[in-house]
């Protein structure tokens, strides 16, 4: 009996080590090999943000999409080649942008510390900087030491949680990656910086079901404003809406609007359909400090999902 328990405990530890690269990651990983690595990445993000206010949301989303497919290995950065269609060309990633920020940071790093800093680490640092450099954004030390993957397949982007997911599907998606319900709610708060195209929430404002044209959980005035921007037909390609009313500030307004029936995605509204997630939403809506603390913890946890390879790419968009 004791032997069986020991075997189960050992198996659990092995699985945990496979799922998370916690021991291999260290905030001081580049202290000696590339001491100015963080500053170089920060400068690249700052420069991009001065020309494009959508960069912070883009980098945060890019990091999330990288970690949820094959772990945090920079595979989302690879270009399609030949017959292989890469992740960035998968349907959920078509709207990803600002890859040039990572490329610019990589170029500067290669000049300073050739072959040292991985693209996956650059992306993790850039996502942190994206939050820090907007108004009221929290900061944190990013554990580093990720390695870059060589495989990127568009078909695997099906693993990403969809904006139409219900609470059970969300829990399963996050749980498979070792992320808790608290992580789910906290990371959803990253939508405070986001923008969504009409196609991501059309299902809530047109032909919702056989009885209702509009999702009844939506605020009527909010739904009307969304329908004005996103009519049933002839929607402009880039039409859409910001995820909350303060897109240049990292705050808890997303949670406040969610409780007011002013969320965009079905997956946002899904957080209110279970008592345990609704309770967490209410806590974050009441306290930005609690949200910041949880978000930082969840970002570090998500960013520690292990990747699949052990090399440092010289170019983030292609393998050696």
C-alpha atoms as a PDB file:
ATOM      1  CA  UNK A   1       0.000   0.000   0.000  1.00  0.00           C
ATOM      2  CA  UNK A   2       2.827   2.378   0.898  1.00  0.00           C
ATOM      3  CA  UNK A   3       4.636   1.382  -2.307  1.00  0.00           C
ATOM      4  CA  UNK A   4       1.524   2.162  -4.357  1.00  0.00           C
ATOM      5  CA  UNK A   5       1.175   5.557  -2.693  1.00  0.00           C
ATOM      6  CA  UNK A   6       4.855   6.300  -3.322  1.00  0.00           C
ATOM      7  CA  UNK A   7       4.511   5.363  -6.987  1.00  0.00           C
ATOM      8  CA  UNK A   8       1.489   7.622  -7.371  1.00  0.00           C
ATOM      9  CA  UNK A   9       3.299  10.500  -5.692  1.00  0.00           C
ATOM     10  CA  UNK A  10       6.344   9.986  -7.906  1.00  0.00           C
ATOM     11  CA  UNK A  11       4.156   9.882 -11.022  1.00  0.00           C
ATOM     12  CA  UNK A  12       2.440  13.104  -9.979  1.00  0.00           C
ATOM     13  CA  UNK A  13       5.791  14.861  -9.511  1.00  0.00           C
ATOM     14  CA  UNK A  14       6.988  13.635 -12.919  1.00  0.00           C
ATOM     15  CA  UNK A  15       3.799  14.854 -14.622  1.00  0.00           C
ATOM     16  CA  UNK A  16       4.091  18.197 -12.874  1.00  0.00           C
ATOM     17  CA  UNK A  17       7.680  18.567 -14.041  1.00  0.00           C
ATOM     18  CA  UNK A  18       6.627  17.785 -17.605  1.00  0.00           C
ATOM     19  CA  UNK A  19       3.744  20.272 -17.539  1.00  0.00           C
ATOM     20  CA  UNK A  20       5.716  23.084 -15.926  1.00  0.00           C
ATOM     21  CA  UNK A  21       9.233  24.269 -16.477  1.00  0.00           C
ATOM     22  CA  UNK A  22       9.335  25.960 -13.065  1.00  0.00           C
ATOM     23  CA  UNK A  23      12.740  24.694 -11.896  1.00  0.00           C
ATOM     24  CA  UNK A  24      14.452  25.605 -15.159  1.00  0.00           C
ATOM     25  CA  UNK A  25      13.171  29.191 -15.120  1.00  0.00           C
ATOM     26  CA  UNK A  26      14.930  31.904 -13.149  1.00  0.00           C
ATOM     27  CA  UNK A  27      14.403  35.697 -13.022  1.00  0.00           C
ATOM     28  CA  UNK A  28      18.209  36.065 -13.021  1.00  0.00           C
ATOM     29  CA  UNK A  29      18.846  33.661 -15.903  1.00  0.00           C
ATOM     30  CA  UNK A  30      20.591  36.270 -18.100  1.00  0.00           C
ATOM     31  CA  UNK A  31      22.312  38.270 -15.344  1.00  0.00           C
ATOM     32  CA  UNK A  32      25.763  37.192 -16.507  1.00  0.00           C
ATOM     33  CA  UNK A  33      25.226  36.115 -20.124  1.00  0.00           C
ATOM     34  CA  UNK A  34      23.148  39.118 -21.242  1.00  0.00           C
ATOM     35  CA  UNK A  35      22.699  41.597 -18.365  1.00  0.00           C
ATOM     36  CA  UNK A  36      20.855  44.215 -20.460  1.00  0.00           C
ATOM     37  CA  UNK A  37      18.380  41.766 -22.001  1.00  0.00           C
ATOM     38  CA  UNK A  38      15.313  43.138 -20.220  1.00  0.00           C
ATOM     39  CA  UNK A  39      16.165  46.759 -21.011  1.00  0.00           C
ATOM     40  CA  UNK A  40      16.629  45.932 -24.693  1.00  0.00           C
ATOM     41  CA  UNK A  41      13.203  44.270 -24.872  1.00  0.00           C
ATOM     42  CA  UNK A  42      11.577  47.121 -22.937  1.00  0.00           C
ATOM     43  CA  UNK A  43      13.016  49.691 -25.336  1.00  0.00           C
ATOM     44  CA  UNK A  44      11.642  47.769 -28.323  1.00  0.00           C
ATOM     45  CA  UNK A  45       8.174  47.668 -26.738  1.00  0.00           C
ATOM     46  CA  UNK A  46       8.310  51.367 -25.801  1.00  0.00           C
ATOM     47  CA  UNK A  47       9.268  52.382 -29.320  1.00  0.00           C
ATOM     48  CA  UNK A  48       6.445  50.330 -30.831  1.00  0.00           C
ATOM     49  CA  UNK A  49       3.887  51.688 -28.350  1.00  0.00           C
ATOM     50  CA  UNK A  50       4.816  55.266 -29.229  1.00  0.00           C
ATOM     51  CA  UNK A  51       3.579  54.588 -32.769  1.00  0.00           C
ATOM     52  CA  UNK A  52       0.748  52.111 -32.147  1.00  0.00           C
ATOM     53  CA  UNK A  53      -1.548  52.032 -29.118  1.00  0.00           C
ATOM     54  CA  UNK A  54      -2.734  48.500 -29.963  1.00  0.00           C
ATOM     55  CA  UNK A  55       0.709  46.990 -29.290  1.00  0.00           C
ATOM     56  CA  UNK A  56       0.188  46.196 -25.561  1.00  0.00           C
ATOM     57  CA  UNK A  57      -2.964  44.140 -26.150  1.00  0.00           C
ATOM     58  CA  UNK A  58      -1.345  42.446 -29.148  1.00  0.00           C
ATOM     59  CA  UNK A  59       1.742  41.328 -27.208  1.00  0.00           C
ATOM     60  CA  UNK A  60      -0.262  40.125 -24.213  1.00  0.00           C
ATOM     61  CA  UNK A  61      -2.545  38.071 -26.456  1.00  0.00           C
ATOM     62  CA  UNK A  62       0.404  36.730 -28.450  1.00  0.00           C
ATOM     63  CA  UNK A  63       2.059  35.378 -25.283  1.00  0.00           C
ATOM     64  CA  UNK A  64      -1.198  33.737 -24.186  1.00  0.00           C
ATOM     65  CA  UNK A  65      -1.671  32.110 -27.592  1.00  0.00           C
ATOM     66  CA  UNK A  66       1.925  30.903 -27.589  1.00  0.00           C
ATOM     67  CA  UNK A  67       1.705  29.249 -24.168  1.00  0.00           C
ATOM     68  CA  UNK A  68      -1.634  27.542 -24.829  1.00  0.00           C
ATOM     69  CA  UNK A  69      -0.270  25.702 -27.878  1.00  0.00           C
ATOM     70  CA  UNK A  70       2.840  23.530 -27.282  1.00  0.00           C
ATOM     71  CA  UNK A  71       3.739  25.518 -24.177  1.00  0.00           C
ATOM     72  CA  UNK A  72       5.693  28.792 -24.037  1.00  0.00           C
ATOM     73  CA  UNK A  73       8.195  27.945 -26.773  1.00  0.00           C
ATOM     74  CA  UNK A  74       7.825  30.821 -29.234  1.00  0.00           C
ATOM     75  CA  UNK A  75       6.134  28.564 -31.811  1.00  0.00           C
ATOM     76  CA  UNK A  76       3.489  31.241 -32.480  1.00  0.00           C
ATOM     77  CA  UNK A  77       6.274  33.438 -33.913  1.00  0.00           C
ATOM     78  CA  UNK A  78       7.264  31.040 -36.712  1.00  0.00           C
ATOM     79  CA  UNK A  79       6.230  31.754 -40.299  1.00  0.00           C
ATOM     80  CA  UNK A  80       4.524  29.192 -42.491  1.00  0.00           C
ATOM     81  CA  UNK A  81       6.951  27.434 -44.816  1.00  0.00           C
ATOM     82  CA  UNK A  82       6.311  25.226 -47.815  1.00  0.00           C
ATOM     83  CA  UNK A  83       3.401  22.918 -47.146  1.00  0.00           C
ATOM     84  CA  UNK A  84       3.440  23.614 -43.415  1.00  0.00           C
ATOM     85  CA  UNK A  85       0.915  26.191 -42.261  1.00  0.00           C
ATOM     86  CA  UNK A  86       2.165  27.679 -38.981  1.00  0.00           C
ATOM     87  CA  UNK A  87       0.235  28.710 -35.867  1.00  0.00           C
ATOM     88  CA  UNK A  88       0.169  32.396 -36.774  1.00  0.00           C
ATOM     89  CA  UNK A  89      -1.878  31.474 -39.868  1.00  0.00           C
ATOM     90  CA  UNK A  90      -4.421  29.390 -37.952  1.00  0.00           C
ATOM     91  CA  UNK A  91      -7.952  30.886 -37.773  1.00  0.00           C
ATOM     92  CA  UNK A  92      -7.739  32.087 -34.124  1.00  0.00           C
ATOM     93  CA  UNK A  93      -4.402  33.794 -34.817  1.00  0.00           C
ATOM     94  CA  UNK A  94      -5.124  35.595 -38.073  1.00  0.00           C
ATOM     95  CA  UNK A  95      -5.721  38.838 -36.160  1.00  0.00           C
ATOM     96  CA  UNK A  96      -2.490  38.566 -34.143  1.00  0.00           C
ATOM     97  CA  UNK A  97      -0.106  41.387 -34.953  1.00  0.00           C
ATOM     98  CA  UNK A  98       2.974  43.297 -33.718  1.00  0.00           C
ATOM     99  CA  UNK A  99       5.327  40.399 -34.466  1.00  0.00           C
ATOM    100  CA  UNK A 100       7.804  43.049 -35.600  1.00  0.00           C
ATOM    101  CA  UNK A 101       8.247  44.111 -31.965  1.00  0.00           C
ATOM    102  CA  UNK A 102       9.679  40.699 -31.116  1.00  0.00           C
ATOM    103  CA  UNK A 103      11.793  40.690 -34.274  1.00  0.00           C
ATOM    104  CA  UNK A 104      13.228  44.137 -33.474  1.00  0.00           C
ATOM    105  CA  UNK A 105      14.055  43.110 -29.909  1.00  0.00           C
ATOM    106  CA  UNK A 106      15.685  39.908 -31.165  1.00  0.00           C
ATOM    107  CA  UNK A 107      17.811  41.815 -33.669  1.00  0.00           C
ATOM    108  CA  UNK A 108      19.065  44.161 -30.942  1.00  0.00           C
ATOM    109  CA  UNK A 109      19.747  41.262 -28.589  1.00  0.00           C
ATOM    110  CA  UNK A 110      21.704  39.338 -31.234  1.00  0.00           C
ATOM    111  CA  UNK A 111      23.953  42.369 -31.659  1.00  0.00           C
ATOM    112  CA  UNK A 112      24.536  42.557 -27.897  1.00  0.00           C
ATOM    113  CA  UNK A 113      24.492  38.871 -26.877  1.00  0.00           C
ATOM    114  CA  UNK A 114      24.545  36.551 -29.922  1.00  0.00           C
ATOM    115  CA  UNK A 115      22.669  33.269 -29.558  1.00  0.00           C
ATOM    116  CA  UNK A 116      21.780  33.778 -25.900  1.00  0.00           C
ATOM    117  CA  UNK A 117      18.204  35.038 -25.432  1.00  0.00           C
ATOM    118  CA  UNK A 118      15.370  32.846 -26.714  1.00  0.00           C
ATOM    119  CA  UNK A 119      12.436  34.189 -28.690  1.00  0.00           C
ATOM    120  CA  UNK A 120      10.096  32.613 -26.138  1.00  0.00           C
ATOM    121  CA  UNK A 121      11.722  34.650 -23.365  1.00  0.00           C
ATOM    122  CA  UNK A 122      11.561  37.820 -25.456  1.00  0.00           C
ATOM    123  CA  UNK A 123       7.819  37.287 -25.900  1.00  0.00           C
ATOM    124  CA  UNK A 124       7.301  36.673 -22.171  1.00  0.00           C
ATOM    125  CA  UNK A 125       9.243  39.835 -21.331  1.00  0.00           C
ATOM    126  CA  UNK A 126       7.423  41.873 -23.970  1.00  0.00           C
ATOM    127  CA  UNK A 127       4.040  40.750 -22.612  1.00  0.00           C
ATOM    128  CA  UNK A 128       5.085  41.872 -19.128  1.00  0.00           C
ATOM    129  CA  UNK A 129       6.323  45.208 -20.493  1.00  0.00           C
ATOM    130  CA  UNK A 130       3.071  45.668 -22.395  1.00  0.00           C
ATOM    131  CA  UNK A 131       1.214  45.606 -19.081  1.00  0.00           C
ATOM    132  CA  UNK A 132       3.759  47.667 -17.137  1.00  0.00           C
ATOM    133  CA  UNK A 133       3.969  50.448 -19.723  1.00  0.00           C
ATOM    134  CA  UNK A 134       0.251  51.197 -19.926  1.00  0.00           C
ATOM    135  CA  UNK A 135      -1.483  53.350 -17.333  1.00  0.00           C
ATOM    136  CA  UNK A 136      -1.764  51.677 -13.903  1.00  0.00           C
ATOM    137  CA  UNK A 137      -0.230  48.386 -15.050  1.00  0.00           C
ATOM    138  CA  UNK A 138       1.333  46.140 -12.366  1.00  0.00           C
ATOM    139  CA  UNK A 139       4.860  44.796 -12.725  1.00  0.00           C
ATOM    140  CA  UNK A 140       6.554  41.495 -11.918  1.00  0.00           C
ATOM    141  CA  UNK A 141       9.826  39.651 -12.334  1.00  0.00           C
ATOM    142  CA  UNK A 142       9.656  37.324 -15.320  1.00  0.00           C
ATOM    143  CA  UNK A 143      11.280  33.913 -14.738  1.00  0.00           C
ATOM    144  CA  UNK A 144      13.498  33.245 -17.767  1.00  0.00           C
ATOM    145  CA  UNK A 145      15.267  30.351 -19.434  1.00  0.00           C
ATOM    146  CA  UNK A 146      12.629  29.174 -21.916  1.00  0.00           C
ATOM    147  CA  UNK A 147      13.852  27.550 -25.097  1.00  0.00           C
ATOM    148  CA  UNK A 148      12.454  27.829 -28.597  1.00  0.00           C
ATOM    149  CA  UNK A 149      10.461  25.164 -30.393  1.00  0.00           C
ATOM    150  CA  UNK A 150      10.943  24.112 -34.008  1.00  0.00           C
ATOM    151  CA  UNK A 151       7.370  22.960 -34.692  1.00  0.00           C
ATOM    152  CA  UNK A 152       4.404  25.206 -35.424  1.00  0.00           C
ATOM    153  CA  UNK A 153       1.152  23.881 -36.890  1.00  0.00           C
ATOM    154  CA  UNK A 154      -1.950  25.938 -37.655  1.00  0.00           C
ATOM    155  CA  UNK A 155      -4.210  22.958 -36.982  1.00  0.00           C
ATOM    156  CA  UNK A 156      -3.097  22.959 -33.328  1.00  0.00           C
ATOM    157  CA  UNK A 157      -4.593  26.413 -32.769  1.00  0.00           C
ATOM    158  CA  UNK A 158      -7.885  24.547 -32.375  1.00  0.00           C
ATOM    159  CA  UNK A 159      -6.657  23.977 -28.815  1.00  0.00           C
ATOM    160  CA  UNK A 160      -7.074  27.669 -27.991  1.00  0.00           C
ATOM    161  CA  UNK A 161     -10.141  28.560 -25.912  1.00  0.00           C
ATOM    162  CA  UNK A 162     -12.777  30.081 -28.195  1.00  0.00           C
ATOM    163  CA  UNK A 163     -14.848  33.210 -27.459  1.00  0.00           C
ATOM    164  CA  UNK A 164     -17.948  30.994 -27.654  1.00  0.00           C
ATOM    165  CA  UNK A 165     -16.813  28.601 -24.879  1.00  0.00           C
ATOM    166  CA  UNK A 166     -19.044  27.918 -21.894  1.00  0.00           C
ATOM    167  CA  UNK A 167     -17.721  27.605 -18.353  1.00  0.00           C
ATOM    168  CA  UNK A 168     -17.158  23.839 -18.567  1.00  0.00           C
ATOM    169  CA  UNK A 169     -15.152  24.173 -21.775  1.00  0.00           C
ATOM    170  CA  UNK A 170     -13.105  27.011 -20.280  1.00  0.00           C
ATOM    171  CA  UNK A 171     -12.342  25.043 -17.140  1.00  0.00           C
ATOM    172  CA  UNK A 172     -11.282  22.035 -19.184  1.00  0.00           C
ATOM    173  CA  UNK A 173      -9.057  24.115 -21.461  1.00  0.00           C
ATOM    174  CA  UNK A 174      -7.296  25.861 -18.597  1.00  0.00           C
ATOM    175  CA  UNK A 175      -7.204  22.756 -16.411  1.00  0.00           C
ATOM    176  CA  UNK A 176      -5.414  20.747 -19.113  1.00  0.00           C
ATOM    177  CA  UNK A 177      -2.598  23.276 -18.825  1.00  0.00           C
ATOM    178  CA  UNK A 178      -2.455  23.147 -15.044  1.00  0.00           C
ATOM    179  CA  UNK A 179      -4.303  26.446 -14.624  1.00  0.00           C
ATOM    180  CA  UNK A 180      -7.005  26.868 -11.992  1.00  0.00           C
ATOM    181  CA  UNK A 181     -10.410  28.549 -11.993  1.00  0.00           C
ATOM    182  CA  UNK A 182      -8.776  31.542 -10.298  1.00  0.00           C
ATOM    183  CA  UNK A 183      -6.218  31.676 -13.125  1.00  0.00           C
ATOM    184  CA  UNK A 184      -9.040  31.542 -15.663  1.00  0.00           C
ATOM    185  CA  UNK A 185     -10.788  34.584 -14.170  1.00  0.00           C
ATOM    186  CA  UNK A 186      -7.586  36.552 -13.547  1.00  0.00           C
ATOM    187  CA  UNK A 187      -6.210  35.979 -17.055  1.00  0.00           C
ATOM    188  CA  UNK A 188      -9.586  36.874 -18.566  1.00  0.00           C
ATOM    189  CA  UNK A 189      -9.008  40.263 -16.969  1.00  0.00           C
ATOM    190  CA  UNK A 190      -6.295  40.828 -19.557  1.00  0.00           C
ATOM    191  CA  UNK A 191      -9.203  41.698 -21.848  1.00  0.00           C
ATOM    192  CA  UNK A 192      -9.071  45.130 -20.230  1.00  0.00           C
ATOM    193  CA  UNK A 193      -6.537  46.006 -22.961  1.00  0.00           C
ATOM    194  CA  UNK A 194      -8.278  44.170 -25.780  1.00  0.00           C
ATOM    195  CA  UNK A 195     -10.170  44.820 -28.994  1.00  0.00           C
ATOM    196  CA  UNK A 196     -12.512  42.280 -30.580  1.00  0.00           C
ATOM    197  CA  UNK A 197     -13.705  42.026 -34.162  1.00  0.00           C
ATOM    198  CA  UNK A 198     -17.422  41.660 -34.803  1.00  0.00           C
ATOM    199  CA  UNK A 199     -17.076  38.010 -35.795  1.00  0.00           C
ATOM    200  CA  UNK A 200     -16.062  37.149 -32.222  1.00  0.00           C
ATOM    201  CA  UNK A 201     -19.354  38.302 -30.689  1.00  0.00           C
ATOM    202  CA  UNK A 202     -21.864  38.291 -33.577  1.00  0.00           C
ATOM    203  CA  UNK A 203     -23.465  35.233 -31.994  1.00  0.00           C
ATOM    204  CA  UNK A 204     -24.655  37.386 -29.069  1.00  0.00           C
ATOM    205  CA  UNK A 205     -26.168  40.279 -31.031  1.00  0.00           C
ATOM    206  CA  UNK A 206     -27.721  38.580 -34.085  1.00  0.00           C
ATOM    207  CA  UNK A 207     -29.759  35.350 -34.219  1.00  0.00           C
ATOM    208  CA  UNK A 208     -28.802  34.393 -30.668  1.00  0.00           C
ATOM    209  CA  UNK A 209     -31.269  31.493 -30.667  1.00  0.00           C
ATOM    210  CA  UNK A 210     -34.632  30.505 -32.135  1.00  0.00           C
ATOM    211  CA  UNK A 211     -36.497  32.741 -29.668  1.00  0.00           C
ATOM    212  CA  UNK A 212     -34.165  35.682 -29.125  1.00  0.00           C
ATOM    213  CA  UNK A 213     -32.228  37.767 -31.604  1.00  0.00           C
ATOM    214  CA  UNK A 214     -30.030  39.218 -28.847  1.00  0.00           C
ATOM    215  CA  UNK A 215     -28.446  37.467 -25.870  1.00  0.00           C
ATOM    216  CA  UNK A 216     -30.752  38.468 -22.975  1.00  0.00           C
ATOM    217  CA  UNK A 217     -27.802  38.653 -20.576  1.00  0.00           C
ATOM    218  CA  UNK A 218     -26.510  41.687 -22.486  1.00  0.00           C
ATOM    219  CA  UNK A 219     -27.475  45.186 -21.373  1.00  0.00           C
ATOM    220  CA  UNK A 220     -30.048  46.355 -23.979  1.00  0.00           C
ATOM    221  CA  UNK A 221     -28.311  49.699 -24.539  1.00  0.00           C
ATOM    222  CA  UNK A 222     -24.915  48.002 -24.829  1.00  0.00           C
ATOM    223  CA  UNK A 223     -26.310  45.447 -27.291  1.00  0.00           C
ATOM    224  CA  UNK A 224     -27.806  48.262 -29.364  1.00  0.00           C
ATOM    225  CA  UNK A 225     -24.441  50.026 -29.548  1.00  0.00           C
ATOM    226  CA  UNK A 226     -22.749  46.784 -30.642  1.00  0.00           C
ATOM    227  CA  UNK A 227     -25.384  46.155 -33.320  1.00  0.00           C
ATOM    228  CA  UNK A 228     -24.774  49.666 -34.617  1.00  0.00           C
ATOM    229  CA  UNK A 229     -21.056  48.921 -35.019  1.00  0.00           C
ATOM    230  CA  UNK A 230     -21.619  45.342 -36.204  1.00  0.00           C
ATOM    231  CA  UNK A 231     -24.767  45.080 -38.359  1.00  0.00           C
ATOM    232  CA  UNK A 232     -25.914  41.635 -39.404  1.00  0.00           C
ATOM    233  CA  UNK A 233     -24.561  42.145 -42.902  1.00  0.00           C
ATOM    234  CA  UNK A 234     -21.885  44.190 -44.643  1.00  0.00           C
ATOM    235  CA  UNK A 235     -19.678  44.429 -41.570  1.00  0.00           C
ATOM    236  CA  UNK A 236     -16.380  46.169 -42.309  1.00  0.00           C
ATOM    237  CA  UNK A 237     -13.391  43.854 -42.031  1.00  0.00           C
ATOM    238  CA  UNK A 238     -11.814  45.727 -39.113  1.00  0.00           C
ATOM    239  CA  UNK A 239     -15.048  46.670 -37.352  1.00  0.00           C
ATOM    240  CA  UNK A 240     -15.410  45.732 -33.721  1.00  0.00           C
ATOM    241  CA  UNK A 241     -15.313  47.008 -30.180  1.00  0.00           C
ATOM    242  CA  UNK A 242     -12.878  47.512 -27.334  1.00  0.00           C
ATOM    243  CA  UNK A 243     -13.211  45.010 -24.516  1.00  0.00           C
ATOM    244  CA  UNK A 244     -13.824  47.705 -21.917  1.00  0.00           C
ATOM    245  CA  UNK A 245     -14.173  51.496 -21.802  1.00  0.00           C
ATOM    246  CA  UNK A 246     -10.597  52.247 -20.649  1.00  0.00           C
ATOM    247  CA  UNK A 247      -8.378  50.544 -23.223  1.00  0.00           C
ATOM    248  CA  UNK A 248      -5.204  52.499 -22.432  1.00  0.00           C
ATOM    249  CA  UNK A 249      -5.366  51.637 -18.743  1.00  0.00           C
ATOM    250  CA  UNK A 250      -4.782  48.293 -17.047  1.00  0.00           C
ATOM    251  CA  UNK A 251      -7.597  48.302 -14.515  1.00  0.00           C
ATOM    252  CA  UNK A 252     -10.565  46.258 -13.266  1.00  0.00           C
ATOM    253  CA  UNK A 253     -13.190  47.971 -15.447  1.00  0.00           C
ATOM    254  CA  UNK A 254     -13.552  44.769 -17.500  1.00  0.00           C
ATOM    255  CA  UNK A 255     -14.962  43.009 -14.414  1.00  0.00           C
ATOM    256  CA  UNK A 256     -17.260  45.907 -13.564  1.00  0.00           C
ATOM    257  CA  UNK A 257     -18.661  45.952 -17.083  1.00  0.00           C
ATOM    258  CA  UNK A 258     -19.056  42.179 -17.032  1.00  0.00           C
ATOM    259  CA  UNK A 259     -21.319  42.463 -13.983  1.00  0.00           C
ATOM    260  CA  UNK A 260     -23.308  45.177 -15.790  1.00  0.00           C
ATOM    261  CA  UNK A 261     -24.044  42.932 -18.789  1.00  0.00           C
ATOM    262  CA  UNK A 262     -21.490  44.722 -20.952  1.00  0.00           C
ATOM    263  CA  UNK A 263     -19.091  41.944 -21.930  1.00  0.00           C
ATOM    264  CA  UNK A 264     -18.348  40.998 -25.526  1.00  0.00           C
ATOM    265  CA  UNK A 265     -17.668  37.268 -25.633  1.00  0.00           C
ATOM    266  CA  UNK A 266     -19.860  34.375 -24.605  1.00  0.00           C
ATOM    267  CA  UNK A 267     -16.778  33.164 -22.741  1.00  0.00           C
ATOM    268  CA  UNK A 268     -16.758  36.403 -20.729  1.00  0.00           C
ATOM    269  CA  UNK A 269     -20.405  36.016 -19.781  1.00  0.00           C
ATOM    270  CA  UNK A 270     -19.700  32.361 -18.947  1.00  0.00           C
ATOM    271  CA  UNK A 271     -17.686  33.514 -15.913  1.00  0.00           C
ATOM    272  CA  UNK A 272     -20.978  34.590 -14.321  1.00  0.00           C
ATOM    273  CA  UNK A 273     -22.730  31.267 -14.895  1.00  0.00           C
ATOM    274  CA  UNK A 274     -21.013  29.442 -12.032  1.00  0.00           C
ATOM    275  CA  UNK A 275     -21.163  30.696  -8.456  1.00  0.00           C
ATOM    276  CA  UNK A 276     -17.449  30.123  -7.792  1.00  0.00           C
ATOM    277  CA  UNK A 277     -16.261  32.122 -10.824  1.00  0.00           C
ATOM    278  CA  UNK A 278     -18.873  34.834 -10.320  1.00  0.00           C
ATOM    279  CA  UNK A 279     -17.591  35.304  -6.776  1.00  0.00           C
ATOM    280  CA  UNK A 280     -14.042  35.840  -8.074  1.00  0.00           C
ATOM    281  CA  UNK A 281     -15.307  38.260 -10.751  1.00  0.00           C
ATOM    282  CA  UNK A 282     -17.082  40.279  -8.040  1.00  0.00           C
ATOM    283  CA  UNK A 283     -13.920  40.355  -5.906  1.00  0.00           C
ATOM    284  CA  UNK A 284     -11.826  41.722  -8.761  1.00  0.00           C
ATOM    285  CA  UNK A 285     -14.533  44.219  -9.736  1.00  0.00           C
ATOM    286  CA  UNK A 286     -14.384  45.570  -6.192  1.00  0.00           C
ATOM    287  CA  UNK A 287     -10.611  45.619  -5.784  1.00  0.00           C
ATOM    288  CA  UNK A 288      -8.006  46.421  -8.455  1.00  0.00           C
ATOM    289  CA  UNK A 289      -5.331  45.493  -5.929  1.00  0.00           C
ATOM    290  CA  UNK A 290      -6.723  41.956  -5.634  1.00  0.00           C
ATOM    291  CA  UNK A 291      -6.970  41.673  -9.412  1.00  0.00           C
ATOM    292  CA  UNK A 292      -3.410  42.903  -9.963  1.00  0.00           C
ATOM    293  CA  UNK A 293      -2.055  40.449  -7.424  1.00  0.00           C
ATOM    294  CA  UNK A 294      -3.937  37.521  -8.974  1.00  0.00           C
ATOM    295  CA  UNK A 295      -3.093  38.538 -12.544  1.00  0.00           C
ATOM    296  CA  UNK A 296       0.639  38.683 -11.827  1.00  0.00           C
ATOM    297  CA  UNK A 297       0.547  35.283 -10.126  1.00  0.00           C
ATOM    298  CA  UNK A 298      -1.398  33.736 -13.016  1.00  0.00           C
ATOM    299  CA  UNK A 299       0.850  35.274 -15.679  1.00  0.00           C
ATOM    300  CA  UNK A 300       3.931  33.776 -14.027  1.00  0.00           C
ATOM    301  CA  UNK A 301       2.158  30.427 -13.754  1.00  0.00           C
ATOM    302  CA  UNK A 302       0.968  30.462 -17.372  1.00  0.00           C
ATOM    303  CA  UNK A 303       4.377  31.621 -18.582  1.00  0.00           C
ATOM    304  CA  UNK A 304       5.930  28.568 -16.913  1.00  0.00           C
ATOM    305  CA  UNK A 305       4.082  26.032 -19.077  1.00  0.00           C
ATOM    306  CA  UNK A 306       6.940  24.051 -20.582  1.00  0.00           C
ATOM    307  CA  UNK A 307       7.724  24.129 -24.284  1.00  0.00           C
ATOM    308  CA  UNK A 308       8.958  21.340 -26.508  1.00  0.00           C
ATOM    309  CA  UNK A 309      12.544  22.131 -27.524  1.00  0.00           C
ATOM    310  CA  UNK A 310      15.880  23.289 -26.146  1.00  0.00           C
ATOM    311  CA  UNK A 311      17.423  25.694 -28.639  1.00  0.00           C
ATOM    312  CA  UNK A 312      17.734  29.454 -29.041  1.00  0.00           C
ATOM    313  CA  UNK A 313      16.589  30.529 -32.500  1.00  0.00           C
ATOM    314  CA  UNK A 314      18.680  33.158 -34.271  1.00  0.00           C
ATOM    315  CA  UNK A 315      15.545  34.478 -35.998  1.00  0.00           C
ATOM    316  CA  UNK A 316      12.175  34.363 -34.273  1.00  0.00           C
ATOM    317  CA  UNK A 317      10.181  33.836 -37.456  1.00  0.00           C
ATOM    318  CA  UNK A 318      12.152  30.821 -38.677  1.00  0.00           C
ATOM    319  CA  UNK A 319      14.235  27.895 -37.458  1.00  0.00           C
ATOM    320  CA  UNK A 320      17.971  27.757 -38.050  1.00  0.00           C
END
